[in-house]
Every structure is written in C-alpha cells, then in structure tokens.
Protein backbone atom coordinates (compact mmCIF):
# COMPACT_ATOMS: atom_id res chain seq x y z
CA MET A 1 31.10 7.35 16.29
CA SER A 2 28.08 7.55 13.96
CA GLN A 3 26.76 4.22 15.28
CA ILE A 4 27.07 5.47 18.85
CA MET A 5 25.18 8.65 17.96
CA PHE A 6 22.45 6.65 16.25
CA SER A 7 22.10 4.39 19.31
CA CYS A 8 21.80 7.45 21.54
CA PHE A 9 19.12 8.84 19.24
CA LEU A 10 17.10 5.62 19.58
CA ILE A 11 17.40 5.72 23.35
CA VAL A 12 16.20 9.34 23.44
CA MET A 13 13.28 8.59 21.12
CA ALA A 14 12.30 5.51 23.12
CA GLN A 15 12.29 7.65 26.25
CA ALA A 16 10.07 10.19 24.50
CA VAL A 17 7.61 7.43 23.68
CA THR A 18 7.67 6.27 27.30
CA ASP A 19 7.11 9.77 28.66
CA SER A 20 4.09 10.55 26.46
CA PRO A 21 0.86 8.63 25.87
CA ARG A 22 1.87 5.78 23.58
CA PRO A 23 -0.08 4.85 20.46
CA VAL A 24 -2.72 2.20 21.00
CA VAL A 25 -1.62 -1.22 19.75
CA GLY A 26 -3.82 -3.93 18.32
CA ALA A 27 -3.37 -7.37 16.78
CA ILE A 28 -5.29 -9.08 13.99
CA ARG A 29 -7.39 -12.13 14.92
CA TRP A 30 -8.33 -14.73 12.30
CA ASP A 31 -10.49 -17.27 14.09
CA GLY A 32 -10.24 -20.41 11.98
CA TRP A 33 -9.14 -22.59 14.90
CA HIS A 34 -12.40 -24.39 15.58
CA GLY A 35 -11.97 -27.90 14.17
CA GLU A 36 -15.17 -29.66 13.16
CA GLU A 37 -17.25 -26.47 13.20
CA SER A 38 -16.28 -25.93 9.54
CA SER A 39 -14.15 -27.27 6.71
CA VAL A 40 -11.81 -24.34 7.33
CA GLY A 41 -11.19 -25.47 10.90
CA LEU A 42 -10.35 -28.99 9.77
CA MET A 43 -8.16 -27.69 6.95
CA VAL A 44 -5.89 -25.58 9.15
CA GLU A 45 -5.41 -28.55 11.44
CA LYS A 46 -4.17 -30.49 8.40
CA THR A 47 -1.66 -27.78 7.52
CA LEU A 48 -0.06 -28.11 10.97
CA SER A 49 -0.33 -31.90 11.14
CA PRO A 50 3.15 -32.77 9.77
CA LYS A 51 5.45 -33.34 12.74
CA HIS A 52 7.85 -30.55 11.77
CA TRP A 53 5.06 -27.96 12.21
CA HIS A 54 3.85 -29.11 15.63
CA HIS A 55 5.92 -26.42 17.35
CA ARG A 56 3.49 -23.84 15.93
CA LEU A 57 0.48 -25.27 17.72
CA PRO A 58 -1.26 -22.75 20.01
CA PHE A 59 -1.35 -23.42 23.73
CA PHE A 60 -4.77 -25.03 23.33
CA GLY A 61 -3.57 -27.40 20.58
CA ARG A 62 -2.97 -31.13 20.96
CA VAL A 63 -0.74 -33.60 19.17
CA VAL A 64 -2.95 -36.65 18.60
CA GLY A 65 -0.61 -38.65 16.37
CA GLU A 66 2.82 -38.54 14.76
CA ASN A 67 1.36 -36.45 11.93
CA ALA A 68 -1.98 -35.42 13.40
CA VAL A 69 -3.06 -32.50 15.57
CA GLU A 70 -6.11 -30.74 16.94
CA ALA A 71 -6.17 -26.96 17.36
CA ARG A 72 -9.62 -26.06 18.67
CA GLY A 73 -9.91 -22.81 20.53
CA ASN A 74 -13.67 -22.44 20.17
CA THR A 75 -14.63 -22.55 23.84
CA GLN A 76 -15.42 -19.74 26.23
CA GLU A 77 -12.71 -20.95 28.59
CA ILE A 78 -10.00 -20.66 25.94
CA MET A 79 -11.24 -17.25 24.77
CA ASP A 80 -11.14 -16.00 28.35
CA LYS A 81 -7.57 -17.25 28.68
CA GLU A 82 -6.56 -15.55 25.42
CA ILE A 83 -8.04 -12.29 26.69
CA GLU A 84 -5.96 -12.59 29.86
CA TYR A 85 -2.79 -13.27 27.86
CA ALA A 86 -3.36 -10.31 25.53
CA SER A 87 -4.23 -7.93 28.34
CA ALA A 88 -1.22 -8.94 30.43
CA ALA A 89 1.03 -8.15 27.47
CA GLY A 90 -0.39 -4.64 27.19
CA LEU A 91 -2.31 -5.07 23.94
CA ASP A 92 -5.13 -2.55 23.62
CA TYR A 93 -7.39 -4.28 21.09
CA TRP A 94 -7.97 -7.15 18.70
CA ALA A 95 -8.98 -6.50 15.08
CA PHE A 96 -11.34 -9.39 14.32
CA VAL A 97 -11.34 -10.52 10.69
CA THR A 98 -15.07 -10.24 10.06
CA TYR A 99 -17.42 -12.80 8.51
CA PRO A 100 -21.23 -13.21 8.37
CA GLU A 101 -22.71 -13.80 11.82
CA LYS A 102 -23.69 -17.42 11.13
CA ASN A 103 -20.29 -18.34 9.70
CA ALA A 104 -18.12 -20.51 11.98
CA LEU A 105 -15.31 -17.98 11.48
CA SER A 106 -17.38 -15.55 13.57
CA LEU A 107 -17.29 -17.80 16.65
CA GLY A 108 -14.25 -16.04 18.06
CA LEU A 109 -15.93 -12.64 17.94
CA LYS A 110 -19.09 -14.06 19.53
CA GLN A 111 -17.13 -15.64 22.36
CA TYR A 112 -15.20 -12.45 22.95
CA LEU A 113 -18.43 -10.44 23.13
CA SER A 114 -19.95 -12.90 25.61
CA SER A 115 -16.85 -13.10 27.82
CA GLU A 116 -16.96 -11.87 31.40
CA LYS A 117 -13.34 -10.77 30.87
CA LYS A 118 -14.14 -8.70 27.80
CA GLU A 119 -13.30 -5.42 29.52
CA LEU A 120 -9.61 -6.38 29.60
CA ILE A 121 -9.13 -5.72 25.88
CA ARG A 122 -11.04 -3.75 23.26
CA PHE A 123 -12.06 -4.91 19.79
CA CYS A 124 -12.63 -3.59 16.29
CA LEU A 125 -13.56 -4.96 12.87
CA ASN A 126 -11.23 -6.04 10.06
CA LEU A 127 -13.60 -6.17 7.09
CA GLN A 128 -12.86 -7.98 3.80
CA GLY A 129 -13.86 -6.52 0.45
CA GLY A 130 -15.39 -9.62 -1.12
CA TRP A 131 -17.44 -10.57 1.94
CA GLU A 132 -18.68 -7.03 2.50
CA SER A 133 -19.92 -6.49 -1.04
CA THR A 134 -21.48 -9.93 -1.54
CA GLY A 135 -25.15 -9.39 -2.32
CA GLY A 136 -24.52 -5.79 -3.33
CA ALA A 137 -26.40 -2.81 -1.98
CA GLU A 138 -29.41 -4.88 -0.92
CA ALA A 139 -27.40 -7.04 1.50
CA TRP A 140 -25.31 -4.12 2.71
CA HIS A 141 -28.18 -2.59 4.68
CA GLU A 142 -28.20 -5.45 7.23
CA LYS A 143 -24.42 -5.35 7.53
CA VAL A 144 -24.55 -1.66 8.36
CA LYS A 145 -27.03 -2.35 11.18
CA ARG A 146 -24.76 -5.06 12.55
CA TYR A 147 -21.63 -2.91 12.45
CA VAL A 148 -23.27 0.13 14.02
CA LYS A 149 -24.43 -2.12 16.85
CA TYR A 150 -20.80 -3.11 17.43
CA PHE A 151 -19.73 0.55 17.34
CA GLN A 152 -22.14 1.20 20.22
CA ASP A 153 -20.41 -1.39 22.41
CA PRO A 154 -18.38 0.46 25.08
CA MET A 155 -15.41 -1.84 24.37
CA TYR A 156 -15.21 -0.94 20.68
CA GLN A 157 -11.82 0.64 19.89
CA THR A 158 -11.99 4.26 18.82
CA VAL A 159 -9.44 6.84 17.71
CA LEU A 160 -9.44 10.61 17.29
CA LYS A 161 -12.00 11.46 19.95
CA GLY A 162 -14.46 8.63 19.51
CA ARG A 163 -14.27 7.51 15.88
CA PRO A 164 -14.77 3.71 15.58
CA LEU A 165 -11.65 2.11 14.09
CA VAL A 166 -12.35 -0.11 11.06
CA PHE A 167 -9.84 -1.95 8.86
CA LEU A 168 -10.68 -2.98 5.30
CA TYR A 169 -8.66 -5.68 3.57
CA SER A 170 -8.89 -6.79 -0.08
CA VAL A 171 -10.37 -3.48 -1.16
CA GLU A 172 -10.28 -4.51 -4.83
CA GLY A 173 -12.78 -7.26 -3.98
CA LEU A 174 -15.56 -4.73 -3.37
CA VAL A 175 -16.46 -4.30 -7.04
CA GLY A 176 -17.58 -7.01 -9.47
CA GLU A 177 -20.36 -9.33 -10.50
CA GLY A 178 -22.69 -10.06 -7.59
CA LEU A 179 -20.89 -7.38 -5.58
CA PHE A 180 -21.03 -3.59 -5.72
CA GLU A 181 -21.33 -2.83 -9.42
CA THR A 182 -19.09 0.25 -9.48
CA TRP A 183 -16.67 2.14 -7.27
CA GLU A 184 -19.31 4.82 -6.96
CA ASP A 185 -21.68 2.21 -5.51
CA ALA A 186 -19.01 1.12 -3.05
CA HIS A 187 -18.42 4.76 -2.03
CA THR A 188 -22.16 5.18 -1.49
CA ALA A 189 -22.22 2.07 0.68
CA PHE A 190 -19.54 3.39 3.01
CA ASP A 191 -21.28 6.75 3.10
CA GLN A 192 -24.35 4.88 4.35
CA LEU A 193 -22.24 3.32 7.10
CA ARG A 194 -20.97 6.77 8.06
CA GLU A 195 -24.48 8.25 8.09
CA ALA A 196 -25.89 5.38 10.16
CA THR A 197 -23.09 5.81 12.69
CA LEU A 198 -23.74 9.54 13.01
CA ALA A 199 -27.45 8.82 13.42
CA VAL A 200 -26.80 7.01 16.72
CA GLY A 201 -24.64 9.84 18.03
CA ILE A 202 -21.21 8.36 17.27
CA PRO A 203 -18.56 10.12 15.14
CA THR A 204 -17.96 8.63 11.69
CA PRO A 205 -15.80 5.50 11.52
CA TYR A 206 -12.08 5.85 10.86
CA ILE A 207 -11.55 3.42 7.96
CA VAL A 208 -8.11 2.05 7.07
CA ALA A 209 -7.51 0.37 3.69
CA GLN A 210 -5.06 -2.54 3.83
CA GLY A 211 -2.98 -3.69 0.89
CA TRP A 212 0.47 -4.27 -0.59
CA TYR A 213 1.20 -1.31 -2.88
CA PRO A 214 1.11 2.29 -1.61
CA PRO A 215 0.05 3.91 -4.95
CA THR A 216 -2.83 1.43 -5.31
CA LEU A 217 -3.92 2.03 -1.73
CA LYS A 218 -3.89 5.79 -2.29
CA GLU A 219 -6.11 5.37 -5.36
CA GLN A 220 -8.52 3.11 -3.46
CA ALA A 221 -8.66 5.52 -0.54
CA GLU A 222 -9.58 8.36 -2.89
CA LYS A 223 -12.27 6.28 -4.61
CA LEU A 224 -13.96 5.35 -1.33
CA GLY A 225 -13.23 8.39 0.83
CA ILE A 226 -11.14 6.20 3.14
CA ASP A 227 -9.24 7.86 5.99
CA ALA A 228 -5.93 6.00 6.11
CA ILE A 229 -3.87 3.19 4.60
CA GLY A 230 -1.84 0.30 5.97
CA ALA A 231 -1.40 -3.44 5.52
CA TYR A 232 -2.68 -6.78 6.78
CA ALA A 233 0.65 -8.58 6.42
CA SER A 234 4.13 -8.09 4.98
CA ASN A 235 6.27 -10.26 2.69
CA THR A 236 9.47 -9.57 0.73
CA GLY A 237 9.38 -12.63 -1.56
CA GLN A 238 12.87 -13.60 -0.43
CA GLU A 239 14.00 -17.20 -0.25
CA ALA A 240 14.73 -18.27 3.33
CA GLY A 241 14.91 -14.63 4.39
CA SER A 242 15.78 -13.45 7.87
CA TYR A 243 13.26 -11.87 10.18
CA LYS A 244 15.43 -8.74 10.18
CA ALA A 245 14.96 -8.42 6.42
CA LEU A 246 11.20 -8.71 6.87
CA ALA A 247 11.14 -6.14 9.67
CA ASP A 248 13.33 -3.74 7.66
CA HIS A 249 11.04 -4.09 4.64
CA THR A 250 7.98 -3.40 6.80
CA GLU A 251 9.58 -0.34 8.41
CA HIS A 252 10.49 1.06 4.98
CA TRP A 253 6.86 0.53 4.04
CA TRP A 254 5.75 3.00 6.71
CA ASP A 255 7.62 5.77 4.92
CA ALA A 256 6.36 4.61 1.52
CA PHE A 257 2.79 4.82 2.79
CA LYS A 258 3.49 8.25 4.27
CA GLU A 259 4.85 9.53 0.93
CA THR A 260 1.43 9.01 -0.69
CA GLY A 261 0.09 11.87 1.42
CA VAL A 262 -2.58 9.64 2.98
CA SER A 263 -2.64 9.03 6.74
CA VAL A 264 -0.98 5.80 7.89
CA VAL A 265 -1.58 3.02 10.40
CA PRO A 266 1.80 1.25 10.49
CA LEU A 267 1.92 -2.53 10.45
CA VAL A 268 4.17 -4.55 12.75
CA THR A 269 4.91 -8.05 11.51
CA ALA A 270 5.30 -11.10 13.73
CA GLY A 271 6.54 -13.11 10.76
CA TRP A 272 5.70 -14.58 7.37
CA ASP A 273 6.11 -18.28 6.61
CA MET A 274 3.33 -19.97 4.66
CA ARG A 275 5.17 -23.25 4.08
CA PRO A 276 2.51 -25.28 5.93
CA ARG A 277 -0.10 -24.02 3.44
CA VAL A 278 2.21 -24.67 0.49
CA GLU A 279 2.91 -28.24 1.62
CA THR A 280 -0.78 -28.84 2.32
CA PRO A 281 -2.67 -26.57 -0.10
CA THR A 282 -5.87 -24.98 1.18
CA PRO A 283 -8.88 -23.93 -0.93
CA TRP A 284 -8.04 -20.27 -0.29
CA VAL A 285 -4.27 -20.53 -0.87
CA LYS A 286 -3.20 -22.55 -3.88
CA GLY A 287 0.34 -22.81 -5.18
CA GLY A 288 3.17 -20.81 -3.70
CA ASP A 289 6.92 -21.25 -3.54
CA ILE A 290 8.11 -23.45 -0.69
CA LYS A 291 11.43 -21.57 -0.73
CA GLN A 292 9.86 -18.17 -0.07
CA TYR A 293 9.57 -17.52 3.64
CA HIS A 294 11.18 -15.67 6.53
CA GLU A 295 12.70 -17.13 9.64
CA ALA A 296 10.62 -16.65 12.77
CA PRO A 297 11.55 -13.71 15.00
CA THR A 298 13.16 -14.07 18.36
CA PRO A 299 11.04 -12.43 21.06
CA ASP A 300 13.58 -9.62 21.36
CA GLU A 301 13.59 -9.00 17.58
CA LEU A 302 9.81 -8.76 17.57
CA ALA A 303 9.83 -6.37 20.53
CA ALA A 304 12.45 -4.14 18.89
CA HIS A 305 10.36 -3.94 15.70
CA LEU A 306 7.31 -2.95 17.73
CA GLN A 307 9.33 -0.31 19.56
CA GLN A 308 10.35 1.19 16.21
CA ALA A 309 6.68 1.44 15.21
CA LEU A 310 5.84 3.36 18.39
CA ILE A 311 8.74 5.72 17.76
CA TRP A 312 7.68 6.19 14.14
CA CYS A 313 4.14 7.09 15.18
CA ARG A 314 5.35 9.70 17.63
CA THR A 315 7.90 11.25 15.27
CA ASN A 316 5.48 11.20 12.32
CA SER A 317 2.39 12.33 14.19
CA ALA A 318 0.94 14.21 11.22
CA ALA A 319 1.02 11.05 9.08
CA ALA A 320 0.10 8.69 11.93
CA GLN A 321 -2.99 10.74 12.64
CA ALA A 322 -4.85 8.02 14.56
CA GLN A 323 -1.81 7.09 16.70
CA THR A 324 -2.41 3.37 16.45
CA VAL A 325 -0.30 0.39 15.41
CA LEU A 326 -1.59 -2.95 14.08
CA ILE A 327 0.31 -6.21 14.57
CA TYR A 328 0.10 -9.15 12.20
CA ALA A 329 -1.07 -11.23 13.92
CA TRP A 330 -2.47 -12.74 17.09
CA ASN A 331 -3.10 -16.22 15.72
CA GLU A 332 -2.04 -16.79 12.10
CA PHE A 333 -0.12 -19.93 13.10
CA ASP A 334 0.02 -21.69 9.74
CA GLU A 335 0.56 -18.45 7.80
CA GLY A 336 3.54 -17.53 9.92
CA GLY A 337 2.64 -14.63 12.23
CA TRP A 338 1.49 -14.99 15.83
CA LEU A 339 1.66 -13.52 19.33
CA CYS A 340 -0.65 -16.03 21.01
CA PRO A 341 1.29 -18.49 23.22
CA THR A 342 2.28 -21.78 21.58
CA ILE A 343 3.13 -25.17 23.04
CA ASP A 344 6.76 -24.61 22.01
CA GLU A 345 7.44 -20.96 22.91
CA GLY A 346 4.93 -20.48 25.70
CA THR A 347 4.44 -16.77 26.39
CA ALA A 348 7.93 -15.70 25.26
CA ARG A 349 6.68 -13.36 22.52
CA LEU A 350 4.08 -11.75 24.75
CA ASP A 351 6.62 -11.36 27.55
CA ALA A 352 8.86 -9.38 25.19
CA VAL A 353 5.95 -7.30 23.91
CA ARG A 354 4.93 -6.48 27.47
CA LYS A 355 8.33 -4.89 28.12
CA VAL A 356 7.63 -2.45 25.27
CA LEU A 357 3.97 -1.74 25.93
CA THR A 358 4.07 -1.64 29.75
CA PRO A 359 7.64 -0.52 30.53
C-alpha cells in the first residue's frame, strides 16, 4: 500500500509541475571536439579511438580505422544542427565552459553566437576558477568587459527578473600564485563584475558555485558573496555502479546542498564513466581507477531523474530560488555524460528528455 501511495504522490507532483511554469533547464557544453585546432581536440579523439569506445562518438564523429576516430564538430553547420537538436528536446540554455577568446576551446561559443539559429536556445557562462584568476586583478578588467558584453546579448539566460546566470567551477582555483592573491581580492573582483553589470542597466549576475562538498561550497559562497551552490558533475566512487545509484546519490545531494542554508541549483547527471581517459591518460586527467564508473543511463532512466529535479525545484521553491536545473552534460562523451546524439544511440536521450520538458 505504501508503494502505491508513493507512486500516486509522484503522479500528483508531476502534474503540478506540468500545470505551472516549469524551471528552466540547461546543459553544460565543453567544446573540446575540434580535432587539429588544438592538442586538446586531438587528445579527446585518442581517448575514444579504441574500438570499444566508438559507440560514444557524437553524430558528427567518424570511425577512420579499427582504433582511430575523428570527432570534429567545429563547423557552423554542425553547431546549427546541435542547436536544432537541443531546441527540439526542450532545453532552454547551454552553459558554455568558458576559456579565453583566442583559445580553441572557445570555438563552440563563437559559432553559437554567430549562428542564424541562435534564437532557438539561450546561453550562459560556466567560468573556471583557475582560468578566471590567471593574471590576477590586472587581467580581470578585460574579462569583466567581455562578460558584460555577453550579458547584454538578448539570448543570455537570466533568472529572477533579469539577473544573468553564471556558473563558477573550481572555486578553490581562484586564489594562489599568479592568481588572485587572497579571497578578499577574489571577492573584490566579483564585486567589480557586479558593478560593471549594473552600470549597463542590467541586474547583478546570479552566480552559482559548483563543487563536490556542500560545507566547502557554503564556505566559498560566503567568502565571495556568491548567490547559490550546485555541482558540475556527480560521482559516487563505486566500482561498476548502476546509473540508478548515481542518480540516487545526485538527488540526495540536492537536499544536502539545501541543508547548508544557501540557495541551490540542482544538478541532473547524464552519467559518469571516465574509463576512456583512464585508459588513455590526458594532460588534465592523470591516474584514476579503471574500476570506478557507472553504467550509462537508459533514456527513460535519464528522463525520470530529470523529472525528479523539476519536482524538487517546485516543492523546494525557497531553496531553488532561481528555478533552474543544470544537466551534466551536453557533450562530455569521453568523461561519461552526454545528451547530444551519438552514432550509436541517435536522438534517444533527447527524445526521452523532450517528453519531460515539452509534455
């Protein structure tokens, strides 16, 4: 009887989500899939080159040998197609992992901004502590100008009556040698970003710190005057874990974040399986345990997890102040989380997501 009652409760809550404006839903973009444009692009092709990883190739990927692939999405045509896929699934925005403008990892953002289909999906920034603080206060001035220019774009994602949404990963990387010297300096830097945003007539950015440990995130939020906390990705450390275990862990996280008293942007995980990067070590990921991973979700499992996040936002509206959900990830193919169509699954994941976001 208790199981029946619980099922009825979920149905009622799902209906409540359907009948009221749903939270906006975004997905993280990490645009390393550009081949010869950088050593990073070539490296991620190597991680997916072994035959047993070919099923992860994105729709624009090619198998060019028994243990060789190309995965190069750095054309306007492919970006336009990705925009169409994301929009058709009901996604509201992409959170672009942000790099210096001249870095090849910024090509995806540039192609999005130049796309004639750009109005189909919004965008926001997913900043990284170490990159943002490199060069200290002197270099920060130019970054502020760049980011405020993005905030002025009519397709920039906002929350809470016009506040530009900004995610900040690797917060601990803000302070150190060659970076911001102290936490006070880092706080001042973000105050400068807030002031520059107000100066152009836009409300202050809504900044979300991303990390792994709720108490640490709370401390970082207090040090920097950050608005909310959340995560970039989720991992239990289990050996050959199920996707259900990963989803359950992530959903428990939402409550753990809430218990800190800081506002929350809940994460939805599309998976975690870094075995390609463990087998073929990259400069940015060294070591790792080949046994620690989670099985990939079925499309229905992924959709159910997303539905739970929407319900959580609506039933915890005081904690989920911004009423937004972030999915890991659009295109982290070799790290284990993706929504973007692949040569193996096609659009199966997006088809399931669409049933939740556009019922």
